Structures are given as structure tokens and as C-alpha cells.
Amino acid sequence: MRPSTKKLVTNLSPGTKIKGKWHQQTYQIVKLLGSGTIGSVYLALHNQSYVALKISDQPSAITTEVNVLKAFKKVQGSRLGPSLLDVDDWIITKDQSYSFYVMEYLRGYELNTFIKRKGYEWLGILIVQLLSDLRELHDQGWVFGDLKPENVIVTDAPPRLRLIDVGGTTKQGRAVKEYTEFYDRGYWGLGTRKADPAYDLFAVAMVMIQVFYPNRFDKGPNPYRTLTYKIKQSPILRRYAGCLEKALLGKYTSSSEMSQDLSKIILKRQQSSSQNTKTRSQPRRNNSTVKRQQRKQKHYQWEESLGIAMVTALFTIFYFVIHML
């Protein structure tokens, strides 16, 4: 037993330098980004650039995660997870060493923070993007597993939801190796913990639900009834009720199916909103010039937002249609 091991990898001080045994690359710790059962992730500096460094005393676990990132890299034209930059060992003493790997550091916002800043109309768009990435992942024979807001990030230019922690990624058919109860269908009594695409899609639905219930909630005596009640209590979530309930019950066999349903809801909603906006924006007689200008400005801003959403939805539908032919 090495009782100090866990404490060390979660308490590296800012300024600590980690030098790889094999590649001789040096990384200077900036701050702790997060810790899990396998290891800890730090923000580090390397050649004046920020990187994310994950360190652990479990070499086999690190090897598994590295293999996942390598598999992601083979998916041409995809942005599955961060790019893998380095893999090495950190030797402290003859009897104390740690394995680590270095990834691209993705800058961005937490999902809930982004939604609060930009508006709830972005939720469906970002989830459609996520489903596209999950489809690529599932096609490679993997399940993300521990899908939750902490393991995704919204990057800028243009906004996109990215997967950032592959620690729970599991080969399909095996038992999910890492999960968080609130996003786990087994916890809600709505399925097993066997790694299949539907496991991730259940978690996608829960990610959408938690945006409106960030403090989470108990499952109660009838978990599914609790979930459907929470969905109906939110006017915005209620728009996606049919799609969410199918995902919760495991009725989707692929992320493509869920994405198509979600895209249809988004497109229908945007078309309806656009029509209502045009009706409300008709000028009224005897209004002052200032008021007319204010209405026009709001109208143009809203149409710009609608345009972004509609283009994203249309592109996604076109993408899936082409891939199904």
C-alpha cells in the first residue's frame, strides 16, 4: 500500500515541474483542474503554451485512456475529445513513479454558464452537435460512459460542445467503468450499466434536464414518473418531452435517431418563432421614429439568432440524410 500516492497526485503545487523519463519534455504545473478515481488533471505550461496533464499511479488505466484518445484521432474530420500530445512516466525516486499523458487544453465555458449567457435556444443546437460526436464515437465501438456537464465544455468561434474527459469511455458490450449516479440509467432503474449507445443517450437527456435543475433532485419511489414530472414542469424542457422520454426509456438505437428528432423540434420551433416575430414587428401607425427604430433593432437581433439556429439545424439534418444514403 502507498497511502501518500493519492494525496500526492491531487496536491501538486503550482510551479512543480514534471519531466518525462522517455521523451524528456518538461511541464510546469499551474493549477488543479479536477480529480477522479483514476488520477488528477492539471493545467500546465509547456513551451509557453497551456496544456492539460493527467497523472496517475495506475499505469494500466492511463494506457487505456491513451488508447481511447488515439482511437479518436483516427476518426477523420472529427473533433472527438482533446488532441493527445505526449505520454510518459514521471520518476521521483526508485520506488515512486507515476504515469501521465498530455492533452490539448480546451478553453471555453461550462454548459450551464454558456446557456445562461447566450440563451436557452442554444441548448438544442449544442446537444445536436454532441450527438454528432457520439455517433462517431459509437461507430468506433466505444461508449463515453461518464457523460455529465463536468466532462464537456463549450468552445468558442463557433460555439461547440466538446468532450473533454475520456476516463469513463468503455468498449461496447462491457460494464461501464465510471459513472455518476444522476446521469446513470442504472441508478434510475431504467436499464443496465452495460455499455451501449442507449446508455450515452440516456445521459444526454439527463444533461439537458439538469440545465433547468442544476441542484439535481431525488429519484423518488417512481423514478420515471419523477423525471417526466420535472420535464413537464419546465416550459422549455416540455418542448423536447417526446425526444427526452424516448431517450430515457432506451427507445433510440443510435444517436442519429435522437439527433434527427431533436433537429426537427428545433427547426419547427425556429420557423414558428420567426413567423411570430415578423407578425409582431409590423409597424403601428402614429408611433414615434425612435420606437420604430428600437423595434427594428430587436427584430434584426432576434432574426440573427434565429438564423444561426436554423442554419445549424438544417446543416445537421442534411449531414445525417447524406450519411444515411
C-alpha atoms as a PDB file:
ATOM      1  CA  MET A   1       0.000   0.000   0.000  1.00  0.00           C
ATOM      2  CA  ARG A   2       1.116   3.555  -0.735  1.00  0.00           C
ATOM      3  CA  PRO A   3      -1.109   5.819   1.373  1.00  0.00           C
ATOM      4  CA  SER A   4       0.594   9.007   0.194  1.00  0.00           C
ATOM      5  CA  THR A   5       0.075   8.299  -3.516  1.00  0.00           C
ATOM      6  CA  LYS A   6      -3.431   9.704  -3.931  1.00  0.00           C
ATOM      7  CA  LYS A   7      -2.582  12.731  -1.831  1.00  0.00           C
ATOM      8  CA  LEU A   8       0.448  13.497  -3.981  1.00  0.00           C
ATOM      9  CA  VAL A   9      -1.234  13.398  -7.381  1.00  0.00           C
ATOM     10  CA  THR A  10      -4.053  15.671  -6.166  1.00  0.00           C
ATOM     11  CA  ASN A  11      -1.808  18.145  -4.346  1.00  0.00           C
ATOM     12  CA  LEU A  12       0.920  19.104  -6.779  1.00  0.00           C
ATOM     13  CA  SER A  13       1.843  22.695  -6.011  1.00  0.00           C
ATOM     14  CA  PRO A  14       1.816  25.411  -8.689  1.00  0.00           C
ATOM     15  CA  GLY A  15       5.316  25.657 -10.103  1.00  0.00           C
ATOM     16  CA  THR A  16       6.059  21.929  -9.733  1.00  0.00           C
ATOM     17  CA  LYS A  17       7.978  20.672 -12.769  1.00  0.00           C
ATOM     18  CA  ILE A  18       7.293  17.237 -14.212  1.00  0.00           C
ATOM     19  CA  LYS A  19       9.890  15.862 -16.590  1.00  0.00           C
ATOM     20  CA  GLY A  20       9.151  12.779 -18.659  1.00  0.00           C
ATOM     21  CA  LYS A  21      11.579   9.900 -18.402  1.00  0.00           C
ATOM     22  CA  TRP A  22      11.391   8.837 -22.038  1.00  0.00           C
ATOM     23  CA  HIS A  23      10.710  11.994 -24.055  1.00  0.00           C
ATOM     24  CA  GLN A  24      12.485  14.416 -21.704  1.00  0.00           C
ATOM     25  CA  GLN A  25       9.704  17.007 -22.024  1.00  0.00           C
ATOM     26  CA  THR A  26       9.129  19.301 -19.018  1.00  0.00           C
ATOM     27  CA  TYR A  27       5.731  20.550 -17.828  1.00  0.00           C
ATOM     28  CA  GLN A  28       5.210  23.171 -15.143  1.00  0.00           C
ATOM     29  CA  ILE A  29       2.062  22.795 -13.040  1.00  0.00           C
ATOM     30  CA  VAL A  30      -0.241  25.839 -12.985  1.00  0.00           C
ATOM     31  CA  LYS A  31      -3.304  24.573 -11.121  1.00  0.00           C
ATOM     32  CA  LEU A  32      -5.501  21.551 -10.477  1.00  0.00           C
ATOM     33  CA  LEU A  33      -8.401  21.227 -12.935  1.00  0.00           C
ATOM     34  CA  GLY A  34     -10.068  18.146 -11.450  1.00  0.00           C
ATOM     35  CA  SER A  35      -9.618  14.761  -9.781  1.00  0.00           C
ATOM     36  CA  GLY A  36     -11.238  11.350 -10.211  1.00  0.00           C
ATOM     37  CA  THR A  37     -10.828   7.724  -9.268  1.00  0.00           C
ATOM     38  CA  ILE A  38      -8.054   7.190 -11.800  1.00  0.00           C
ATOM     39  CA  GLY A  39      -5.995  10.344 -11.401  1.00  0.00           C
ATOM     40  CA  SER A  40      -5.846  14.117 -11.489  1.00  0.00           C
ATOM     41  CA  VAL A  41      -5.834  16.623 -14.337  1.00  0.00           C
ATOM     42  CA  TYR A  42      -3.732  19.776 -14.134  1.00  0.00           C
ATOM     43  CA  LEU A  43      -3.334  22.875 -16.216  1.00  0.00           C
ATOM     44  CA  ALA A  44       0.361  23.037 -17.108  1.00  0.00           C
ATOM     45  CA  LEU A  45       2.782  25.129 -19.145  1.00  0.00           C
ATOM     46  CA  HIS A  46       4.928  23.635 -21.887  1.00  0.00           C
ATOM     47  CA  ASN A  47       6.982  25.815 -24.238  1.00  0.00           C
ATOM     48  CA  GLN A  48       4.919  28.846 -23.176  1.00  0.00           C
ATOM     49  CA  SER A  49       1.653  27.131 -24.135  1.00  0.00           C
ATOM     50  CA  TYR A  50      -1.075  25.771 -21.876  1.00  0.00           C
ATOM     51  CA  VAL A  51      -1.754  22.023 -21.897  1.00  0.00           C
ATOM     52  CA  ALA A  52      -3.820  19.625 -19.787  1.00  0.00           C
ATOM     53  CA  LEU A  53      -1.806  16.952 -17.983  1.00  0.00           C
ATOM     54  CA  LYS A  54      -3.375  13.867 -16.412  1.00  0.00           C
ATOM     55  CA  ILE A  55      -1.284  11.954 -13.875  1.00  0.00           C
ATOM     56  CA  SER A  56      -1.980   8.684 -12.065  1.00  0.00           C
ATOM     57  CA  ASP A  57      -0.371   5.854 -10.141  1.00  0.00           C
ATOM     58  CA  GLN A  58      -2.355   3.389 -12.287  1.00  0.00           C
ATOM     59  CA  PRO A  59      -0.340   2.824 -15.494  1.00  0.00           C
ATOM     60  CA  SER A  60      -2.896   0.417 -16.981  1.00  0.00           C
ATOM     61  CA  ALA A  61      -5.689   2.967 -16.604  1.00  0.00           C
ATOM     62  CA  ILE A  62      -3.559   5.658 -18.232  1.00  0.00           C
ATOM     63  CA  THR A  63      -2.769   3.271 -21.099  1.00  0.00           C
ATOM     64  CA  THR A  64      -6.480   2.616 -21.637  1.00  0.00           C
ATOM     65  CA  GLU A  65      -7.297   6.334 -21.804  1.00  0.00           C
ATOM     66  CA  VAL A  66      -4.396   6.968 -24.161  1.00  0.00           C
ATOM     67  CA  ASN A  67      -5.697   4.232 -26.457  1.00  0.00           C
ATOM     68  CA  VAL A  68      -9.098   5.917 -26.471  1.00  0.00           C
ATOM     69  CA  LEU A  69      -7.569   9.249 -27.477  1.00  0.00           C
ATOM     70  CA  LYS A  70      -5.584   7.511 -30.219  1.00  0.00           C
ATOM     71  CA  ALA A  71      -8.788   5.916 -31.489  1.00  0.00           C
ATOM     72  CA  PHE A  72     -10.441   9.355 -31.541  1.00  0.00           C
ATOM     73  CA  LYS A  73      -7.561  10.680 -33.621  1.00  0.00           C
ATOM     74  CA  LYS A  74      -8.225   8.068 -36.318  1.00  0.00           C
ATOM     75  CA  VAL A  75     -11.707   9.470 -36.949  1.00  0.00           C
ATOM     76  CA  GLN A  76     -11.045  11.723 -39.919  1.00  0.00           C
ATOM     77  CA  GLY A  77     -12.568  15.203 -39.825  1.00  0.00           C
ATOM     78  CA  SER A  78     -13.906  14.721 -36.310  1.00  0.00           C
ATOM     79  CA  ARG A  79     -13.249  16.602 -33.068  1.00  0.00           C
ATOM     80  CA  LEU A  80     -13.737  13.762 -30.641  1.00  0.00           C
ATOM     81  CA  GLY A  81     -12.055  14.765 -27.401  1.00  0.00           C
ATOM     82  CA  PRO A  82      -8.861  16.765 -26.986  1.00  0.00           C
ATOM     83  CA  SER A  83      -5.762  16.013 -29.067  1.00  0.00           C
ATOM     84  CA  LEU A  84      -3.161  13.725 -27.471  1.00  0.00           C
ATOM     85  CA  LEU A  85       0.255  15.416 -27.256  1.00  0.00           C
ATOM     86  CA  ASP A  86       2.526  13.250 -25.113  1.00  0.00           C
ATOM     87  CA  VAL A  87       2.647  10.089 -22.983  1.00  0.00           C
ATOM     88  CA  ASP A  88       5.398   9.438 -20.440  1.00  0.00           C
ATOM     89  CA  ASP A  89       6.419   8.491 -16.891  1.00  0.00           C
ATOM     90  CA  TRP A  90       7.497  10.779 -14.064  1.00  0.00           C
ATOM     91  CA  ILE A  91      10.182   9.193 -11.898  1.00  0.00           C
ATOM     92  CA  ILE A  92      10.522  10.744  -8.423  1.00  0.00           C
ATOM     93  CA  THR A  93      12.565   8.041  -6.703  1.00  0.00           C
ATOM     94  CA  LYS A  94      13.483   4.449  -7.479  1.00  0.00           C
ATOM     95  CA  ASP A  95      10.316   3.302  -5.703  1.00  0.00           C
ATOM     96  CA  GLN A  96       7.973   6.147  -6.621  1.00  0.00           C
ATOM     97  CA  SER A  97       6.859   6.860 -10.171  1.00  0.00           C
ATOM     98  CA  TYR A  98       3.713   7.989 -11.961  1.00  0.00           C
ATOM     99  CA  SER A  99       2.330   7.710 -15.467  1.00  0.00           C
ATOM    100  CA  PHE A 100       0.938  10.749 -17.234  1.00  0.00           C
ATOM    101  CA  TYR A 101      -0.303  11.937 -20.571  1.00  0.00           C
ATOM    102  CA  VAL A 102      -0.658  15.420 -22.006  1.00  0.00           C
ATOM    103  CA  MET A 103      -3.635  16.723 -23.960  1.00  0.00           C
ATOM    104  CA  GLU A 104      -4.703  19.828 -25.803  1.00  0.00           C
ATOM    105  CA  TYR A 105      -6.133  22.339 -23.320  1.00  0.00           C
ATOM    106  CA  LEU A 106      -9.600  23.328 -24.492  1.00  0.00           C
ATOM    107  CA  ARG A 107     -10.690  26.811 -23.426  1.00  0.00           C
ATOM    108  CA  GLY A 108     -14.357  27.527 -23.067  1.00  0.00           C
ATOM    109  CA  TYR A 109     -17.406  27.680 -20.819  1.00  0.00           C
ATOM    110  CA  GLU A 110     -19.262  25.193 -18.693  1.00  0.00           C
ATOM    111  CA  LEU A 111     -22.506  24.223 -20.424  1.00  0.00           C
ATOM    112  CA  ASN A 112     -24.802  25.851 -17.861  1.00  0.00           C
ATOM    113  CA  THR A 113     -22.760  29.060 -17.840  1.00  0.00           C
ATOM    114  CA  PHE A 114     -22.886  29.317 -21.620  1.00  0.00           C
ATOM    115  CA  ILE A 115     -26.649  28.708 -21.736  1.00  0.00           C
ATOM    116  CA  LYS A 116     -27.274  31.402 -19.117  1.00  0.00           C
ATOM    117  CA  ARG A 117     -25.200  33.903 -21.088  1.00  0.00           C
ATOM    118  CA  LYS A 118     -26.392  33.109 -24.606  1.00  0.00           C
ATOM    119  CA  GLY A 119     -29.948  31.869 -24.076  1.00  0.00           C
ATOM    120  CA  TYR A 120     -31.852  28.592 -23.883  1.00  0.00           C
ATOM    121  CA  GLU A 121     -32.286  28.407 -27.668  1.00  0.00           C
ATOM    122  CA  TRP A 122     -28.661  27.229 -27.771  1.00  0.00           C
ATOM    123  CA  LEU A 123     -29.335  24.098 -25.712  1.00  0.00           C
ATOM    124  CA  GLY A 124     -30.842  22.057 -28.537  1.00  0.00           C
ATOM    125  CA  ILE A 125     -28.166  23.207 -31.005  1.00  0.00           C
ATOM    126  CA  LEU A 126     -25.305  22.196 -28.703  1.00  0.00           C
ATOM    127  CA  ILE A 127     -26.891  18.832 -27.948  1.00  0.00           C
ATOM    128  CA  VAL A 128     -27.275  18.106 -31.674  1.00  0.00           C
ATOM    129  CA  GLN A 129     -23.540  18.762 -32.010  1.00  0.00           C
ATOM    130  CA  LEU A 130     -22.828  16.440 -29.087  1.00  0.00           C
ATOM    131  CA  LEU A 131     -24.954  13.708 -30.640  1.00  0.00           C
ATOM    132  CA  SER A 132     -22.963  14.003 -33.857  1.00  0.00           C
ATOM    133  CA  ASP A 133     -19.725  13.393 -31.917  1.00  0.00           C
ATOM    134  CA  LEU A 134     -21.284  10.499 -30.012  1.00  0.00           C
ATOM    135  CA  ARG A 135     -22.314   8.893 -33.291  1.00  0.00           C
ATOM    136  CA  GLU A 136     -18.676   8.918 -34.408  1.00  0.00           C
ATOM    137  CA  LEU A 137     -17.619   7.506 -31.048  1.00  0.00           C
ATOM    138  CA  HIS A 138     -20.239   4.744 -31.146  1.00  0.00           C
ATOM    139  CA  ASP A 139     -19.250   3.859 -34.709  1.00  0.00           C
ATOM    140  CA  GLN A 140     -15.728   3.241 -33.395  1.00  0.00           C
ATOM    141  CA  GLY A 141     -17.124   0.730 -30.881  1.00  0.00           C
ATOM    142  CA  TRP A 142     -16.907   2.899 -27.761  1.00  0.00           C
ATOM    143  CA  VAL A 143     -19.370   4.384 -25.266  1.00  0.00           C
ATOM    144  CA  PHE A 144     -18.427   7.606 -23.479  1.00  0.00           C
ATOM    145  CA  GLY A 145     -19.890   6.315 -20.207  1.00  0.00           C
ATOM    146  CA  ASP A 146     -19.475   9.089 -17.659  1.00  0.00           C
ATOM    147  CA  LEU A 147     -21.309  11.744 -19.654  1.00  0.00           C
ATOM    148  CA  LYS A 148     -22.100  14.777 -17.484  1.00  0.00           C
ATOM    149  CA  PRO A 149     -21.689  18.585 -17.647  1.00  0.00           C
ATOM    150  CA  GLU A 150     -18.296  18.399 -15.921  1.00  0.00           C
ATOM    151  CA  ASN A 151     -16.951  16.274 -18.782  1.00  0.00           C
ATOM    152  CA  VAL A 152     -17.943  18.604 -21.618  1.00  0.00           C
ATOM    153  CA  ILE A 153     -17.095  22.188 -22.467  1.00  0.00           C
ATOM    154  CA  VAL A 154     -18.443  24.794 -24.888  1.00  0.00           C
ATOM    155  CA  THR A 155     -15.637  26.221 -27.004  1.00  0.00           C
ATOM    156  CA  ASP A 156     -15.840  29.488 -28.939  1.00  0.00           C
ATOM    157  CA  ALA A 157     -15.619  30.558 -32.582  1.00  0.00           C
ATOM    158  CA  PRO A 158     -18.014  28.997 -33.364  1.00  0.00           C
ATOM    159  CA  PRO A 159     -19.669  27.671 -30.184  1.00  0.00           C
ATOM    160  CA  ARG A 160     -19.361  23.896 -29.999  1.00  0.00           C
ATOM    161  CA  LEU A 161     -19.883  21.327 -27.259  1.00  0.00           C
ATOM    162  CA  ARG A 162     -16.734  19.206 -26.877  1.00  0.00           C
ATOM    163  CA  LEU A 163     -15.959  16.056 -24.887  1.00  0.00           C
ATOM    164  CA  ILE A 164     -13.007  16.678 -22.561  1.00  0.00           C
ATOM    165  CA  ASP A 165     -12.556  13.692 -20.219  1.00  0.00           C
ATOM    166  CA  VAL A 166     -12.321  10.174 -21.613  1.00  0.00           C
ATOM    167  CA  GLY A 167     -11.833   8.476 -18.234  1.00  0.00           C
ATOM    168  CA  GLY A 168     -15.190   6.695 -18.387  1.00  0.00           C
ATOM    169  CA  THR A 169     -15.003   5.657 -22.044  1.00  0.00           C
ATOM    170  CA  THR A 170     -15.738   1.930 -22.334  1.00  0.00           C
ATOM    171  CA  LYS A 171     -15.750  -0.631 -25.129  1.00  0.00           C
ATOM    172  CA  GLN A 172     -19.303  -1.525 -26.146  1.00  0.00           C
ATOM    173  CA  GLY A 173     -20.578  -4.692 -24.516  1.00  0.00           C
ATOM    174  CA  ARG A 174     -18.589  -4.290 -21.326  1.00  0.00           C
ATOM    175  CA  ALA A 175     -19.720  -2.860 -17.991  1.00  0.00           C
ATOM    176  CA  VAL A 176     -19.421   0.930 -17.816  1.00  0.00           C
ATOM    177  CA  LYS A 177     -16.327   1.527 -15.709  1.00  0.00           C
ATOM    178  CA  GLU A 178     -17.102   5.044 -14.452  1.00  0.00           C
ATOM    179  CA  TYR A 179     -20.446   6.744 -13.946  1.00  0.00           C
ATOM    180  CA  THR A 180     -22.149   9.472 -11.941  1.00  0.00           C
ATOM    181  CA  GLU A 181     -25.436   8.408 -10.367  1.00  0.00           C
ATOM    182  CA  PHE A 182     -27.630  11.278 -11.544  1.00  0.00           C
ATOM    183  CA  TYR A 183     -26.730  10.574 -15.201  1.00  0.00           C
ATOM    184  CA  ASP A 184     -26.698   6.775 -14.878  1.00  0.00           C
ATOM    185  CA  ARG A 185     -29.728   4.815 -16.127  1.00  0.00           C
ATOM    186  CA  GLY A 186     -28.965   2.040 -13.655  1.00  0.00           C
ATOM    187  CA  TYR A 187     -29.432   4.447 -10.756  1.00  0.00           C
ATOM    188  CA  TRP A 188     -32.856   5.434 -12.127  1.00  0.00           C
ATOM    189  CA  GLY A 189     -33.858   1.816 -12.685  1.00  0.00           C
ATOM    190  CA  LEU A 190     -34.241   2.383 -16.421  1.00  0.00           C
ATOM    191  CA  GLY A 191     -31.615  -0.008 -17.717  1.00  0.00           C
ATOM    192  CA  THR A 192     -28.357  -1.774 -17.027  1.00  0.00           C
ATOM    193  CA  ARG A 193     -24.814  -0.440 -16.879  1.00  0.00           C
ATOM    194  CA  LYS A 194     -23.832  -2.367 -19.981  1.00  0.00           C
ATOM    195  CA  ALA A 195     -22.005  -0.089 -22.404  1.00  0.00           C
ATOM    196  CA  ASP A 196     -24.231   0.518 -25.417  1.00  0.00           C
ATOM    197  CA  PRO A 197     -25.206   3.671 -27.367  1.00  0.00           C
ATOM    198  CA  ALA A 198     -28.506   3.957 -25.467  1.00  0.00           C
ATOM    199  CA  TYR A 199     -26.540   4.339 -22.219  1.00  0.00           C
ATOM    200  CA  ASP A 200     -24.979   7.560 -23.526  1.00  0.00           C
ATOM    201  CA  LEU A 201     -28.299   8.805 -24.915  1.00  0.00           C
ATOM    202  CA  PHE A 202     -29.925   8.416 -21.504  1.00  0.00           C
ATOM    203  CA  ALA A 203     -27.143  10.584 -20.098  1.00  0.00           C
ATOM    204  CA  VAL A 204     -27.675  13.159 -22.875  1.00  0.00           C
ATOM    205  CA  ALA A 205     -31.312  13.518 -21.767  1.00  0.00           C
ATOM    206  CA  MET A 206     -30.186  13.946 -18.158  1.00  0.00           C
ATOM    207  CA  VAL A 207     -27.664  16.598 -19.183  1.00  0.00           C
ATOM    208  CA  MET A 208     -30.489  18.560 -20.793  1.00  0.00           C
ATOM    209  CA  ILE A 209     -32.696  18.144 -17.728  1.00  0.00           C
ATOM    210  CA  GLN A 210     -30.013  19.298 -15.271  1.00  0.00           C
ATOM    211  CA  VAL A 211     -29.681  22.634 -17.105  1.00  0.00           C
ATOM    212  CA  PHE A 212     -33.049  23.519 -15.542  1.00  0.00           C
ATOM    213  CA  TYR A 213     -32.391  21.657 -12.285  1.00  0.00           C
ATOM    214  CA  PRO A 214     -28.688  22.346 -11.550  1.00  0.00           C
ATOM    215  CA  ASN A 215     -29.088  21.290  -7.918  1.00  0.00           C
ATOM    216  CA  ARG A 216     -30.452  17.926  -9.112  1.00  0.00           C
ATOM    217  CA  PHE A 217     -33.258  16.095  -7.315  1.00  0.00           C
ATOM    218  CA  ASP A 218     -34.113  12.750  -5.704  1.00  0.00           C
ATOM    219  CA  LYS A 219     -35.491   9.953  -7.858  1.00  0.00           C
ATOM    220  CA  GLY A 220     -38.427   9.219  -5.540  1.00  0.00           C
ATOM    221  CA  PRO A 221     -40.426   5.962  -5.356  1.00  0.00           C
ATOM    222  CA  ASN A 222     -41.213   6.061  -9.098  1.00  0.00           C
ATOM    223  CA  PRO A 223     -38.058   7.348 -10.866  1.00  0.00           C
ATOM    224  CA  TYR A 224     -39.506   7.587 -14.368  1.00  0.00           C
ATOM    225  CA  ARG A 225     -42.573   9.466 -13.130  1.00  0.00           C
ATOM    226  CA  THR A 226     -40.257  11.848 -11.285  1.00  0.00           C
ATOM    227  CA  LEU A 227     -38.322  12.561 -14.473  1.00  0.00           C
ATOM    228  CA  THR A 228     -41.385  13.112 -16.650  1.00  0.00           C
ATOM    229  CA  TYR A 229     -42.868  15.399 -13.980  1.00  0.00           C
ATOM    230  CA  LYS A 230     -39.691  17.511 -13.937  1.00  0.00           C
ATOM    231  CA  ILE A 231     -39.756  17.735 -17.736  1.00  0.00           C
ATOM    232  CA  LYS A 232     -43.368  18.909 -17.771  1.00  0.00           C
ATOM    233  CA  GLN A 233     -42.685  21.475 -15.039  1.00  0.00           C
ATOM    234  CA  SER A 234     -40.266  23.337 -17.323  1.00  0.00           C
ATOM    235  CA  PRO A 235     -41.860  25.155 -20.291  1.00  0.00           C
ATOM    236  CA  ILE A 236     -38.641  24.876 -22.299  1.00  0.00           C
ATOM    237  CA  LEU A 237     -37.952  21.221 -21.486  1.00  0.00           C
ATOM    238  CA  ARG A 238     -41.569  20.445 -22.338  1.00  0.00           C
ATOM    239  CA  ARG A 239     -40.767  21.282 -25.992  1.00  0.00           C
ATOM    240  CA  TYR A 240     -38.396  18.314 -26.075  1.00  0.00           C
ATOM    241  CA  ALA A 241     -40.596  15.983 -23.998  1.00  0.00           C
ATOM    242  CA  GLY A 242     -41.133  13.334 -26.681  1.00  0.00           C
ATOM    243  CA  CYS A 243     -37.452  13.177 -27.547  1.00  0.00           C
ATOM    244  CA  LEU A 244     -36.336  13.126 -23.902  1.00  0.00           C
ATOM    245  CA  GLU A 245     -38.770  10.393 -22.903  1.00  0.00           C
ATOM    246  CA  LYS A 246     -37.634   8.149 -25.769  1.00  0.00           C
ATOM    247  CA  ALA A 247     -34.015   8.597 -24.677  1.00  0.00           C
ATOM    248  CA  LEU A 248     -34.854   7.881 -21.033  1.00  0.00           C
ATOM    249  CA  LEU A 249     -36.675   4.686 -21.989  1.00  0.00           C
ATOM    250  CA  GLY A 250     -33.906   3.485 -24.299  1.00  0.00           C
ATOM    251  CA  LYS A 251     -36.060   3.645 -27.422  1.00  0.00           C
ATOM    252  CA  TYR A 252     -33.301   5.146 -29.553  1.00  0.00           C
ATOM    253  CA  THR A 253     -30.896   2.634 -31.063  1.00  0.00           C
ATOM    254  CA  SER A 254     -28.497   5.298 -32.305  1.00  0.00           C
ATOM    255  CA  SER A 255     -27.545   8.910 -31.681  1.00  0.00           C
ATOM    256  CA  SER A 256     -28.545   9.629 -35.294  1.00  0.00           C
ATOM    257  CA  GLU A 257     -32.188   8.863 -34.466  1.00  0.00           C
ATOM    258  CA  MET A 258     -32.187  11.160 -31.456  1.00  0.00           C
ATOM    259  CA  SER A 259     -30.415  13.901 -33.407  1.00  0.00           C
ATOM    260  CA  GLN A 260     -32.971  13.763 -36.212  1.00  0.00           C
ATOM    261  CA  ASP A 261     -35.883  14.094 -33.761  1.00  0.00           C
ATOM    262  CA  LEU A 262     -34.174  16.941 -31.930  1.00  0.00           C
ATOM    263  CA  SER A 263     -33.329  18.746 -35.167  1.00  0.00           C
ATOM    264  CA  LYS A 264     -36.965  18.579 -36.293  1.00  0.00           C
ATOM    265  CA  ILE A 265     -38.111  20.102 -32.995  1.00  0.00           C
ATOM    266  CA  ILE A 266     -35.536  22.903 -33.266  1.00  0.00           C
ATOM    267  CA  LEU A 267     -36.401  23.678 -36.885  1.00  0.00           C
ATOM    268  CA  LYS A 268     -40.129  23.694 -36.229  1.00  0.00           C
ATOM    269  CA  ARG A 269     -39.645  25.945 -33.205  1.00  0.00           C
ATOM    270  CA  GLN A 270     -37.450  28.408 -35.113  1.00  0.00           C
ATOM    271  CA  GLN A 271     -39.853  28.578 -38.042  1.00  0.00           C
ATOM    272  CA  SER A 272     -42.738  29.272 -35.662  1.00  0.00           C
ATOM    273  CA  SER A 273     -40.765  31.898 -33.748  1.00  0.00           C
ATOM    274  CA  SER A 274     -39.647  33.581 -36.952  1.00  0.00           C
ATOM    275  CA  GLN A 275     -43.248  33.819 -38.171  1.00  0.00           C
ATOM    276  CA  ASN A 276     -44.416  35.265 -34.845  1.00  0.00           C
ATOM    277  CA  THR A 277     -41.574  37.764 -34.823  1.00  0.00           C
ATOM    278  CA  LYS A 278     -42.470  39.032 -38.280  1.00  0.00           C
ATOM    279  CA  THR A 279     -46.091  39.461 -37.201  1.00  0.00           C
ATOM    280  CA  ARG A 280     -45.151  41.374 -34.041  1.00  0.00           C
ATOM    281  CA  SER A 281     -42.677  43.555 -35.907  1.00  0.00           C
ATOM    282  CA  GLN A 282     -45.315  45.129 -38.216  1.00  0.00           C
ATOM    283  CA  PRO A 283     -45.119  48.940 -37.669  1.00  0.00           C
ATOM    284  CA  ARG A 284     -48.013  50.611 -35.928  1.00  0.00           C
ATOM    285  CA  ARG A 285     -49.467  53.926 -37.042  1.00  0.00           C
ATOM    286  CA  ASN A 286     -48.620  57.099 -35.115  1.00  0.00           C
ATOM    287  CA  ASN A 287     -45.543  55.528 -33.389  1.00  0.00           C
ATOM    288  CA  SER A 288     -42.516  57.751 -32.999  1.00  0.00           C
ATOM    289  CA  THR A 289     -39.400  57.214 -35.108  1.00  0.00           C
ATOM    290  CA  VAL A 290     -37.410  56.190 -32.023  1.00  0.00           C
ATOM    291  CA  LYS A 291     -39.836  53.401 -31.150  1.00  0.00           C
ATOM    292  CA  ARG A 292     -39.825  52.111 -34.731  1.00  0.00           C
ATOM    293  CA  GLN A 293     -36.032  52.006 -34.732  1.00  0.00           C
ATOM    294  CA  GLN A 294     -35.986  50.156 -31.414  1.00  0.00           C
ATOM    295  CA  ARG A 295     -38.397  47.520 -32.722  1.00  0.00           C
ATOM    296  CA  LYS A 296     -36.380  47.093 -35.891  1.00  0.00           C
ATOM    297  CA  GLN A 297     -33.157  46.682 -33.918  1.00  0.00           C
ATOM    298  CA  LYS A 298     -34.683  43.983 -31.689  1.00  0.00           C
ATOM    299  CA  HIS A 299     -36.171  42.313 -34.746  1.00  0.00           C
ATOM    300  CA  TYR A 300     -32.802  42.158 -36.529  1.00  0.00           C
ATOM    301  CA  GLN A 301     -31.044  40.829 -33.425  1.00  0.00           C
ATOM    302  CA  TRP A 302     -33.648  38.097 -32.988  1.00  0.00           C
ATOM    303  CA  GLU A 303     -33.527  37.125 -36.681  1.00  0.00           C
ATOM    304  CA  GLU A 304     -29.732  36.866 -36.464  1.00  0.00           C
ATOM    305  CA  SER A 305     -30.102  34.453 -33.550  1.00  0.00           C
ATOM    306  CA  LEU A 306     -32.766  32.511 -35.404  1.00  0.00           C
ATOM    307  CA  GLY A 307     -30.569  32.361 -38.465  1.00  0.00           C
ATOM    308  CA  ILE A 308     -27.737  30.762 -36.545  1.00  0.00           C
ATOM    309  CA  ALA A 309     -30.062  28.171 -35.047  1.00  0.00           C
ATOM    310  CA  MET A 310     -31.812  27.372 -38.333  1.00  0.00           C
ATOM    311  CA  VAL A 311     -28.576  27.030 -40.280  1.00  0.00           C
ATOM    312  CA  THR A 312     -27.160  24.707 -37.632  1.00  0.00           C
ATOM    313  CA  ALA A 313     -30.293  22.578 -37.605  1.00  0.00           C
ATOM    314  CA  LEU A 314     -30.544  22.426 -41.390  1.00  0.00           C
ATOM    315  CA  PHE A 315     -26.868  21.518 -41.700  1.00  0.00           C
ATOM    316  CA  THR A 316     -27.299  18.713 -39.185  1.00  0.00           C
ATOM    317  CA  ILE A 317     -30.359  17.281 -40.940  1.00  0.00           C
ATOM    318  CA  PHE A 318     -28.538  17.463 -44.284  1.00  0.00           C
ATOM    319  CA  TYR A 319     -25.480  15.769 -42.722  1.00  0.00           C
ATOM    320  CA  PHE A 320     -27.477  12.805 -41.452  1.00  0.00           C
ATOM    321  CA  VAL A 321     -29.501  12.451 -44.654  1.00  0.00           C
ATOM    322  CA  ILE A 322     -26.285  12.252 -46.701  1.00  0.00           C
ATOM    323  CA  HIS A 323     -24.777   9.689 -44.342  1.00  0.00           C
ATOM    324  CA  MET A 324     -27.869   7.506 -44.437  1.00  0.00           C
ATOM    325  CA  LEU A 325     -27.925   7.297 -48.252  1.00  0.00           C
END
